[in-house]
Amino acid sequence: MKLDKTLVLKIASLAKIPISEKEADELLSGFNKTLEVIDNLFSVDVKNIEPLYQTTFLENVFREDIVDEKSMLSQDEALREAKNKYNGYFVVDQVLEED
């Protein structure tokens, strides 16, 4: 599979990432190199290879989830220094815009 510049520009537009023509050319080259590598992987014979689900062979070490009530704040304590609060919640400025 090969991408073309039109698709790169469309992806950038959908992601709302402004890119120049030069950047589009560089991205196109990088995407196509990545896709070539992936195409090469499809040609590797893996019929007799057992699938790996974990490549480092390390095991997760879990700890018990213990609540340290001495370190907990009440809702009032947590909100005491808040600049803006409403009905027991922090109020923050909007970070996403609607189009």
PDB file of N, CA and C in Angstrom:
ATOM      1  N   MET A   1       0.851  -1.185   0.000  1.00  0.00           N
ATOM      2  CA  MET A   1       0.000   0.000   0.000  1.00  0.00           C
ATOM      3  C   MET A   1       0.890   1.241   0.000  1.00  0.00           C
ATOM      4  N   LYS A   2       0.548   2.188  -0.789  1.00  0.00           N
ATOM      5  CA  LYS A   2       1.269   3.464  -0.825  1.00  0.00           C
ATOM      6  C   LYS A   2       0.280   4.597  -0.602  1.00  0.00           C
ATOM      7  N   LEU A   3       0.701   5.546   0.169  1.00  0.00           N
ATOM      8  CA  LEU A   3      -0.114   6.739   0.389  1.00  0.00           C
ATOM      9  C   LEU A   3       0.254   7.793  -0.640  1.00  0.00           C
ATOM     10  N   ASP A   4      -0.642   8.742  -0.824  1.00  0.00           N
ATOM     11  CA  ASP A   4      -0.313   9.890  -1.667  1.00  0.00           C
ATOM     12  C   ASP A   4      -0.454  11.166  -0.838  1.00  0.00           C
ATOM     13  N   LYS A   5       0.029  12.239  -1.390  1.00  0.00           N
ATOM     14  CA  LYS A   5       0.065  13.515  -0.664  1.00  0.00           C
ATOM     15  C   LYS A   5      -1.339  13.980  -0.274  1.00  0.00           C
ATOM     16  N   THR A   6      -2.323  13.700  -1.123  1.00  0.00           N
ATOM     17  CA  THR A   6      -3.700  14.100  -0.831  1.00  0.00           C
ATOM     18  C   THR A   6      -4.182  13.457   0.464  1.00  0.00           C
ATOM     19  N   LEU A   7      -3.849  12.171   0.650  1.00  0.00           N
ATOM     20  CA  LEU A   7      -4.274  11.471   1.868  1.00  0.00           C
ATOM     21  C   LEU A   7      -3.550  12.023   3.093  1.00  0.00           C
ATOM     22  N   VAL A   8      -2.274  12.338   2.956  1.00  0.00           N
ATOM     23  CA  VAL A   8      -1.527  12.921   4.078  1.00  0.00           C
ATOM     24  C   VAL A   8      -2.152  14.248   4.488  1.00  0.00           C
ATOM     25  N   LEU A   9      -2.487  15.082   3.517  1.00  0.00           N
ATOM     26  CA  LEU A   9      -3.113  16.372   3.823  1.00  0.00           C
ATOM     27  C   LEU A   9      -4.487  16.183   4.454  1.00  0.00           C
ATOM     28  N   LYS A  10      -5.225  15.176   4.006  1.00  0.00           N
ATOM     29  CA  LYS A  10      -6.549  14.905   4.586  1.00  0.00           C
ATOM     30  C   LYS A  10      -6.409  14.447   6.038  1.00  0.00           C
ATOM     31  N   ILE A  11      -5.453  13.555   6.297  1.00  0.00           N
ATOM     32  CA  ILE A  11      -5.224  13.084   7.670  1.00  0.00           C
ATOM     33  C   ILE A  11      -4.855  14.262   8.574  1.00  0.00           C
ATOM     34  N   ALA A  12      -3.972  15.127   8.092  1.00  0.00           N
ATOM     35  CA  ALA A  12      -3.580  16.303   8.880  1.00  0.00           C
ATOM     36  C   ALA A  12      -4.776  17.204   9.141  1.00  0.00           C
ATOM     37  N   SER A  13      -5.625  17.355   8.137  1.00  0.00           N
ATOM     38  CA  SER A  13      -6.819  18.187   8.294  1.00  0.00           C
ATOM     39  C   SER A  13      -7.773  17.587   9.319  1.00  0.00           C
ATOM     40  N   LEU A  14      -7.992  16.276   9.233  1.00  0.00           N
ATOM     41  CA  LEU A  14      -8.880  15.614  10.196  1.00  0.00           C
ATOM     42  C   LEU A  14      -8.342  15.711  11.618  1.00  0.00           C
ATOM     43  N   ALA A  15      -7.021  15.658  11.738  1.00  0.00           N
ATOM     44  CA  ALA A  15      -6.383  15.762  13.049  1.00  0.00           C
ATOM     45  C   ALA A  15      -6.222  17.216  13.490  1.00  0.00           C
ATOM     46  N   LYS A  16      -6.625  18.138  12.608  1.00  0.00           N
ATOM     47  CA  LYS A  16      -6.500  19.572  12.868  1.00  0.00           C
ATOM     48  C   LYS A  16      -5.051  19.966  13.178  1.00  0.00           C
ATOM     49  N   ILE A  17      -4.151  19.391  12.373  1.00  0.00           N
ATOM     50  CA  ILE A  17      -2.730  19.707  12.492  1.00  0.00           C
ATOM     51  C   ILE A  17      -2.317  20.443  11.223  1.00  0.00           C
ATOM     52  N   PRO A  18      -2.022  21.717  11.332  1.00  0.00           N
ATOM     53  CA  PRO A  18      -1.599  22.458  10.132  1.00  0.00           C
ATOM     54  C   PRO A  18      -0.195  22.018   9.719  1.00  0.00           C
ATOM     55  N   ILE A  19      -0.043  21.661   8.438  1.00  0.00           N
ATOM     56  CA  ILE A  19       1.275  21.277   7.930  1.00  0.00           C
ATOM     57  C   ILE A  19       1.524  21.995   6.607  1.00  0.00           C
ATOM     58  N   SER A  20       2.791  22.252   6.359  1.00  0.00           N
ATOM     59  CA  SER A  20       3.181  22.901   5.107  1.00  0.00           C
ATOM     60  C   SER A  20       3.316  21.833   4.019  1.00  0.00           C
ATOM     61  N   GLU A  21       3.495  22.282   2.794  1.00  0.00           N
ATOM     62  CA  GLU A  21       3.703  21.352   1.680  1.00  0.00           C
ATOM     63  C   GLU A  21       4.975  20.528   1.910  1.00  0.00           C
ATOM     64  N   LYS A  22       6.017  21.180   2.409  1.00  0.00           N
ATOM     65  CA  LYS A  22       7.276  20.475   2.680  1.00  0.00           C
ATOM     66  C   LYS A  22       7.070  19.402   3.743  1.00  0.00           C
ATOM     67  N   GLU A  23       6.351  19.762   4.818  1.00  0.00           N
ATOM     68  CA  GLU A  23       6.076  18.788   5.874  1.00  0.00           C
ATOM     69  C   GLU A  23       5.236  17.636   5.334  1.00  0.00           C
ATOM     70  N   ALA A  24       4.291  17.938   4.453  1.00  0.00           N
ATOM     71  CA  ALA A  24       3.462  16.885   3.856  1.00  0.00           C
ATOM     72  C   ALA A  24       4.332  15.920   3.059  1.00  0.00           C
ATOM     73  N   ASP A  25       5.287  16.450   2.319  1.00  0.00           N
ATOM     74  CA  ASP A  25       6.206  15.594   1.550  1.00  0.00           C
ATOM     75  C   ASP A  25       7.037  14.708   2.472  1.00  0.00           C
ATOM     76  N   GLU A  26       7.546  15.297   3.572  1.00  0.00           N
ATOM     77  CA  GLU A  26       8.355  14.534   4.524  1.00  0.00           C
ATOM     78  C   GLU A  26       7.516  13.448   5.198  1.00  0.00           C
ATOM     79  N   LEU A  27       6.299  13.811   5.589  1.00  0.00           N
ATOM     80  CA  LEU A  27       5.413  12.822   6.218  1.00  0.00           C
ATOM     81  C   LEU A  27       5.062  11.709   5.241  1.00  0.00           C
ATOM     82  N   LEU A  28       4.794  12.072   4.005  1.00  0.00           N
ATOM     83  CA  LEU A  28       4.472  11.082   2.984  1.00  0.00           C
ATOM     84  C   LEU A  28       5.606  10.075   2.842  1.00  0.00           C
ATOM     85  N   SER A  29       6.832  10.571   2.777  1.00  0.00           N
ATOM     86  CA  SER A  29       7.993   9.692   2.665  1.00  0.00           C
ATOM     87  C   SER A  29       8.093   8.773   3.881  1.00  0.00           C
ATOM     88  N   GLY A  30       7.940   9.331   5.069  1.00  0.00           N
ATOM     89  CA  GLY A  30       8.014   8.537   6.300  1.00  0.00           C
ATOM     90  C   GLY A  30       6.914   7.500   6.395  1.00  0.00           C
ATOM     91  N   PHE A  31       5.686   7.898   6.058  1.00  0.00           N
ATOM     92  CA  PHE A  31       4.570   6.948   6.094  1.00  0.00           C
ATOM     93  C   PHE A  31       4.807   5.797   5.126  1.00  0.00           C
ATOM     94  N   ASN A  32       5.265   6.126   3.911  1.00  0.00           N
ATOM     95  CA  ASN A  32       5.479   5.085   2.913  1.00  0.00           C
ATOM     96  C   ASN A  32       6.618   4.138   3.308  1.00  0.00           C
ATOM     97  N   LYS A  33       7.674   4.664   3.944  1.00  0.00           N
ATOM     98  CA  LYS A  33       8.745   3.795   4.440  1.00  0.00           C
ATOM     99  C   LYS A  33       8.207   2.857   5.516  1.00  0.00           C
ATOM    100  N   THR A  34       7.376   3.383   6.403  1.00  0.00           N
ATOM    101  CA  THR A  34       6.783   2.563   7.462  1.00  0.00           C
ATOM    102  C   THR A  34       5.906   1.469   6.866  1.00  0.00           C
ATOM    103  N   LEU A  35       5.109   1.813   5.875  1.00  0.00           N
ATOM    104  CA  LEU A  35       4.242   0.830   5.241  1.00  0.00           C
ATOM    105  C   LEU A  35       5.048  -0.242   4.502  1.00  0.00           C
ATOM    106  N   GLU A  36       6.206   0.130   3.930  1.00  0.00           N
ATOM    107  CA  GLU A  36       7.080  -0.858   3.288  1.00  0.00           C
ATOM    108  C   GLU A  36       7.584  -1.871   4.316  1.00  0.00           C
ATOM    109  N   VAL A  37       7.989  -1.389   5.479  1.00  0.00           N
ATOM    110  CA  VAL A  37       8.458  -2.282   6.542  1.00  0.00           C
ATOM    111  C   VAL A  37       7.339  -3.232   6.947  1.00  0.00           C
ATOM    112  N   ILE A  38       6.138  -2.708   7.102  1.00  0.00           N
ATOM    113  CA  ILE A  38       4.999  -3.547   7.483  1.00  0.00           C
ATOM    114  C   ILE A  38       4.721  -4.578   6.392  1.00  0.00           C
ATOM    115  N   ASP A  39       4.784  -4.180   5.126  1.00  0.00           N
ATOM    116  CA  ASP A  39       4.596  -5.129   4.029  1.00  0.00           C
ATOM    117  C   ASP A  39       5.644  -6.236   4.081  1.00  0.00           C
ATOM    118  N   ASN A  40       6.897  -5.889   4.416  1.00  0.00           N
ATOM    119  CA  ASN A  40       7.940  -6.903   4.544  1.00  0.00           C
ATOM    120  C   ASN A  40       7.633  -7.888   5.668  1.00  0.00           C
ATOM    121  N   LEU A  41       7.053  -7.401   6.747  1.00  0.00           N
ATOM    122  CA  LEU A  41       6.703  -8.283   7.860  1.00  0.00           C
ATOM    123  C   LEU A  41       5.664  -9.325   7.449  1.00  0.00           C
ATOM    124  N   PHE A  42       4.767  -8.949   6.539  1.00  0.00           N
ATOM    125  CA  PHE A  42       3.759  -9.893   6.079  1.00  0.00           C
ATOM    126  C   PHE A  42       4.374 -11.061   5.307  1.00  0.00           C
ATOM    127  N   SER A  43       5.564 -10.875   4.763  1.00  0.00           N
ATOM    128  CA  SER A  43       6.186 -11.939   3.976  1.00  0.00           C
ATOM    129  C   SER A  43       6.974 -12.928   4.838  1.00  0.00           C
ATOM    130  N   VAL A  44       7.125 -12.653   6.122  1.00  0.00           N
ATOM    131  CA  VAL A  44       7.885 -13.536   7.011  1.00  0.00           C
ATOM    132  C   VAL A  44       7.040 -14.772   7.341  1.00  0.00           C
ATOM    133  N   ASP A  45       7.670 -15.952   7.214  1.00  0.00           N
ATOM    134  CA  ASP A  45       6.982 -17.214   7.520  1.00  0.00           C
ATOM    135  C   ASP A  45       6.991 -17.437   9.033  1.00  0.00           C
ATOM    136  N   VAL A  46       5.822 -17.401   9.634  1.00  0.00           N
ATOM    137  CA  VAL A  46       5.712 -17.577  11.087  1.00  0.00           C
ATOM    138  C   VAL A  46       4.802 -18.754  11.453  1.00  0.00           C
ATOM    139  N   LYS A  47       4.636 -19.683  10.513  1.00  0.00           N
ATOM    140  CA  LYS A  47       3.738 -20.828  10.750  1.00  0.00           C
ATOM    141  C   LYS A  47       4.127 -21.622  11.986  1.00  0.00           C
ATOM    142  N   ASN A  48       5.404 -21.837  12.196  1.00  0.00           N
ATOM    143  CA  ASN A  48       5.858 -22.684  13.306  1.00  0.00           C
ATOM    144  C   ASN A  48       6.356 -21.885  14.504  1.00  0.00           C
ATOM    145  N   ILE A  49       5.974 -20.640  14.574  1.00  0.00           N
ATOM    146  CA  ILE A  49       6.400 -19.781  15.685  1.00  0.00           C
ATOM    147  C   ILE A  49       5.227 -19.597  16.642  1.00  0.00           C
ATOM    148  N   GLU A  50       5.493 -19.879  17.905  1.00  0.00           N
ATOM    149  CA  GLU A  50       4.447 -19.699  18.914  1.00  0.00           C
ATOM    150  C   GLU A  50       4.277 -18.210  19.202  1.00  0.00           C
ATOM    151  N   PRO A  51       3.034 -17.735  19.231  1.00  0.00           N
ATOM    152  CA  PRO A  51       2.808 -16.298  19.483  1.00  0.00           C
ATOM    153  C   PRO A  51       3.301 -15.889  20.870  1.00  0.00           C
ATOM    154  N   LEU A  52       3.831 -14.680  20.943  1.00  0.00           N
ATOM    155  CA  LEU A  52       4.251 -14.107  22.222  1.00  0.00           C
ATOM    156  C   LEU A  52       3.210 -13.082  22.663  1.00  0.00           C
ATOM    157  N   TYR A  53       2.900 -13.119  23.920  1.00  0.00           N
ATOM    158  CA  TYR A  53       1.977 -12.133  24.464  1.00  0.00           C
ATOM    159  C   TYR A  53       2.721 -11.161  25.366  1.00  0.00           C
ATOM    160  N   GLN A  54       3.943 -11.510  25.700  1.00  0.00           N
ATOM    161  CA  GLN A  54       4.764 -10.694  26.587  1.00  0.00           C
ATOM    162  C   GLN A  54       6.198 -10.911  26.156  1.00  0.00           C
ATOM    163  N   THR A  55       6.867  -9.885  25.708  1.00  0.00           N
ATOM    164  CA  THR A  55       8.186 -10.065  25.096  1.00  0.00           C
ATOM    165  C   THR A  55       9.350  -9.986  26.070  1.00  0.00           C
ATOM    166  N   THR A  56       9.145  -9.444  27.253  1.00  0.00           N
ATOM    167  CA  THR A  56      10.270  -9.298  28.188  1.00  0.00           C
ATOM    168  C   THR A  56      10.330 -10.431  29.205  1.00  0.00           C
ATOM    169  N   PHE A  57       9.278 -11.210  29.271  1.00  0.00           N
ATOM    170  CA  PHE A  57       9.158 -12.326  30.207  1.00  0.00           C
ATOM    171  C   PHE A  57       9.202 -11.876  31.659  1.00  0.00           C
ATOM    172  N   LEU A  58       8.945 -10.599  31.882  1.00  0.00           N
ATOM    173  CA  LEU A  58       8.829 -10.088  33.240  1.00  0.00           C
ATOM    174  C   LEU A  58       7.397 -10.288  33.711  1.00  0.00           C
ATOM    175  N   GLU A  59       7.216 -10.359  34.998  1.00  0.00           N
ATOM    176  CA  GLU A  59       5.877 -10.521  35.547  1.00  0.00           C
ATOM    177  C   GLU A  59       5.481  -9.246  36.276  1.00  0.00           C
ATOM    178  N   ASN A  60       4.196  -8.936  36.186  1.00  0.00           N
ATOM    179  CA  ASN A  60       3.699  -7.777  36.922  1.00  0.00           C
ATOM    180  C   ASN A  60       3.737  -8.085  38.411  1.00  0.00           C
ATOM    181  N   VAL A  61       4.118  -7.091  39.161  1.00  0.00           N
ATOM    182  CA  VAL A  61       4.112  -7.230  40.609  1.00  0.00           C
ATOM    183  C   VAL A  61       2.966  -6.369  41.111  1.00  0.00           C
ATOM    184  N   PHE A  62       1.977  -7.027  41.667  1.00  0.00           N
ATOM    185  CA  PHE A  62       0.806  -6.307  42.147  1.00  0.00           C
ATOM    186  C   PHE A  62       0.917  -6.085  43.643  1.00  0.00           C
ATOM    187  N   ARG A  63       0.351  -5.005  44.070  1.00  0.00           N
ATOM    188  CA  ARG A  63       0.287  -4.748  45.500  1.00  0.00           C
ATOM    189  C   ARG A  63      -1.181  -4.587  45.865  1.00  0.00           C
ATOM    190  N   GLU A  64      -1.469  -4.818  47.085  1.00  0.00           N
ATOM    191  CA  GLU A  64      -2.842  -4.656  47.544  1.00  0.00           C
ATOM    192  C   GLU A  64      -3.192  -3.174  47.546  1.00  0.00           C
ATOM    193  N   ASP A  65      -4.373  -2.865  47.129  1.00  0.00           N
ATOM    194  CA  ASP A  65      -4.827  -1.478  47.078  1.00  0.00           C
ATOM    195  C   ASP A  65      -5.364  -1.099  48.455  1.00  0.00           C
ATOM    196  N   ILE A  66      -4.511  -0.465  49.228  1.00  0.00           N
ATOM    197  CA  ILE A  66      -4.873  -0.117  50.600  1.00  0.00           C
ATOM    198  C   ILE A  66      -5.085   1.390  50.683  1.00  0.00           C
ATOM    199  N   VAL A  67      -6.205   1.797  51.228  1.00  0.00           N
ATOM    200  CA  VAL A  67      -6.511   3.214  51.386  1.00  0.00           C
ATOM    201  C   VAL A  67      -5.871   3.700  52.676  1.00  0.00           C
ATOM    202  N   ASP A  68      -5.056   4.729  52.559  1.00  0.00           N
ATOM    203  CA  ASP A  68      -4.416   5.327  53.721  1.00  0.00           C
ATOM    204  C   ASP A  68      -5.288   6.499  54.169  1.00  0.00           C
ATOM    205  N   GLU A  69      -6.162   6.234  55.104  1.00  0.00           N
ATOM    206  CA  GLU A  69      -7.126   7.248  55.523  1.00  0.00           C
ATOM    207  C   GLU A  69      -6.464   8.449  56.190  1.00  0.00           C
ATOM    208  N   LYS A  70      -5.250   8.287  56.691  1.00  0.00           N
ATOM    209  CA  LYS A  70      -4.541   9.411  57.309  1.00  0.00           C
ATOM    210  C   LYS A  70      -4.156  10.456  56.249  1.00  0.00           C
ATOM    211  N   SER A  71      -3.942  10.002  55.005  1.00  0.00           N
ATOM    212  CA  SER A  71      -3.523  10.908  53.938  1.00  0.00           C
ATOM    213  C   SER A  71      -4.701  11.458  53.147  1.00  0.00           C
ATOM    214  N   MET A  72      -5.886  10.991  53.428  1.00  0.00           N
ATOM    215  CA  MET A  72      -7.061  11.430  52.673  1.00  0.00           C
ATOM    216  C   MET A  72      -7.537  12.805  53.133  1.00  0.00           C
ATOM    217  N   LEU A  73      -8.089  13.548  52.186  1.00  0.00           N
ATOM    218  CA  LEU A  73      -8.715  14.820  52.506  1.00  0.00           C
ATOM    219  C   LEU A  73     -10.227  14.661  52.417  1.00  0.00           C
ATOM    220  N   SER A  74     -10.928  15.362  53.258  1.00  0.00           N
ATOM    221  CA  SER A  74     -12.380  15.407  53.098  1.00  0.00           C
ATOM    222  C   SER A  74     -12.680  16.280  51.888  1.00  0.00           C
ATOM    223  N   GLN A  75     -13.903  16.233  51.412  1.00  0.00           N
ATOM    224  CA  GLN A  75     -14.271  17.048  50.258  1.00  0.00           C
ATOM    225  C   GLN A  75     -14.070  18.534  50.580  1.00  0.00           C
ATOM    226  N   ASP A  76     -14.460  18.940  51.756  1.00  0.00           N
ATOM    227  CA  ASP A  76     -14.292  20.346  52.150  1.00  0.00           C
ATOM    228  C   ASP A  76     -12.809  20.739  52.190  1.00  0.00           C
ATOM    229  N   GLU A  77     -11.952  19.855  52.725  1.00  0.00           N
ATOM    230  CA  GLU A  77     -10.525  20.150  52.778  1.00  0.00           C
ATOM    231  C   GLU A  77      -9.930  20.250  51.370  1.00  0.00           C
ATOM    232  N   ALA A  78     -10.349  19.361  50.478  1.00  0.00           N
ATOM    233  CA  ALA A  78      -9.827  19.357  49.112  1.00  0.00           C
ATOM    234  C   ALA A  78     -10.231  20.629  48.373  1.00  0.00           C
ATOM    235  N   LEU A  79     -11.432  21.110  48.632  1.00  0.00           N
ATOM    236  CA  LEU A  79     -11.946  22.278  47.917  1.00  0.00           C
ATOM    237  C   LEU A  79     -11.612  23.612  48.585  1.00  0.00           C
ATOM    238  N   ARG A  80     -11.056  23.559  49.782  1.00  0.00           N
ATOM    239  CA  ARG A  80     -10.834  24.774  50.562  1.00  0.00           C
ATOM    240  C   ARG A  80     -10.044  25.831  49.795  1.00  0.00           C
ATOM    241  N   GLU A  81      -8.978  25.460  49.098  1.00  0.00           N
ATOM    242  CA  GLU A  81      -8.123  26.425  48.386  1.00  0.00           C
ATOM    243  C   GLU A  81      -8.483  26.558  46.904  1.00  0.00           C
ATOM    244  N   ALA A  82      -9.563  25.922  46.483  1.00  0.00           N
ATOM    245  CA  ALA A  82      -9.933  25.970  45.062  1.00  0.00           C
ATOM    246  C   ALA A  82     -10.336  27.384  44.668  1.00  0.00           C
ATOM    247  N   LYS A  83      -9.860  27.820  43.513  1.00  0.00           N
ATOM    248  CA  LYS A  83     -10.197  29.147  43.016  1.00  0.00           C
ATOM    249  C   LYS A  83     -11.687  29.211  42.681  1.00  0.00           C
ATOM    250  N   ASN A  84     -12.169  28.182  41.988  1.00  0.00           N
ATOM    251  CA  ASN A  84     -13.584  28.115  41.612  1.00  0.00           C
ATOM    252  C   ASN A  84     -14.145  26.759  42.004  1.00  0.00           C
ATOM    253  N   LYS A  85     -15.315  26.770  42.613  1.00  0.00           N
ATOM    254  CA  LYS A  85     -15.992  25.520  42.959  1.00  0.00           C
ATOM    255  C   LYS A  85     -17.493  25.722  42.837  1.00  0.00           C
ATOM    256  N   TYR A  86     -18.203  24.597  42.629  1.00  0.00           N
ATOM    257  CA  TYR A  86     -19.649  24.665  42.475  1.00  0.00           C
ATOM    258  C   TYR A  86     -20.235  23.339  42.936  1.00  0.00           C
ATOM    259  N   ASN A  87     -21.141  23.386  43.876  1.00  0.00           N
ATOM    260  CA  ASN A  87     -21.831  22.191  44.389  1.00  0.00           C
ATOM    261  C   ASN A  87     -20.871  21.063  44.761  1.00  0.00           C
ATOM    262  N   GLY A  88     -19.742  21.396  45.380  1.00  0.00           N
ATOM    263  CA  GLY A  88     -18.814  20.369  45.838  1.00  0.00           C
ATOM    264  C   GLY A  88     -17.852  19.864  44.782  1.00  0.00           C
ATOM    265  N   TYR A  89     -17.733  20.560  43.653  1.00  0.00           N
ATOM    266  CA  TYR A  89     -16.831  20.148  42.575  1.00  0.00           C
ATOM    267  C   TYR A  89     -15.879  21.290  42.231  1.00  0.00           C
ATOM    268  N   PHE A  90     -14.698  20.926  41.702  1.00  0.00           N
ATOM    269  CA  PHE A  90     -13.784  21.918  41.156  1.00  0.00           C
ATOM    270  C   PHE A  90     -14.363  22.429  39.848  1.00  0.00           C
ATOM    271  N   VAL A  91     -14.235  23.716  39.595  1.00  0.00           N
ATOM    272  CA  VAL A  91     -14.638  24.306  38.318  1.00  0.00           C
ATOM    273  C   VAL A  91     -13.359  24.753  37.626  1.00  0.00           C
ATOM    274  N   VAL A  92     -13.171  24.279  36.384  1.00  0.00           N
ATOM    275  CA  VAL A  92     -11.980  24.650  35.621  1.00  0.00           C
ATOM    276  C   VAL A  92     -12.397  25.285  34.314  1.00  0.00           C
ATOM    277  N   ASP A  93     -11.474  26.032  33.716  1.00  0.00           N
ATOM    278  CA  ASP A  93     -11.745  26.661  32.432  1.00  0.00           C
ATOM    279  C   ASP A  93     -11.913  25.591  31.355  1.00  0.00           C
ATOM    280  N   GLN A  94     -12.736  25.909  30.379  1.00  0.00           N
ATOM    281  CA  GLN A  94     -12.953  24.998  29.258  1.00  0.00           C
ATOM    282  C   GLN A  94     -11.646  24.846  28.489  1.00  0.00           C
ATOM    283  N   VAL A  95     -11.292  23.591  28.137  1.00  0.00           N
ATOM    284  CA  VAL A  95     -10.052  23.355  27.405  1.00  0.00           C
ATOM    285  C   VAL A  95     -10.313  22.901  25.959  1.00  0.00           C
ATOM    286  N   LEU A  96     -11.521  22.506  25.645  1.00  0.00           N
ATOM    287  CA  LEU A  96     -11.858  22.070  24.287  1.00  0.00           C
ATOM    288  C   LEU A  96     -12.828  23.060  23.676  1.00  0.00           C
ATOM    289  N   GLU A  97     -12.651  23.278  22.403  1.00  0.00           N
ATOM    290  CA  GLU A  97     -13.560  24.178  21.693  1.00  0.00           C
ATOM    291  C   GLU A  97     -14.456  23.390  20.761  1.00  0.00           C
ATOM    292  N   GLU A  98     -15.668  23.851  20.574  1.00  0.00           N
ATOM    293  CA  GLU A  98     -16.565  23.226  19.623  1.00  0.00           C
ATOM    294  C   GLU A  98     -16.455  23.937  18.296  1.00  0.00           C
ATOM    295  N   ASP A  99     -16.471  23.163  17.210  1.00  0.00           N
ATOM    296  CA  ASP A  99     -16.443  23.767  15.871  1.00  0.00           C
ATOM    297  C   ASP A  99     -17.843  23.886  15.318  1.00  0.00           C
TER     298      ASP A  99
END
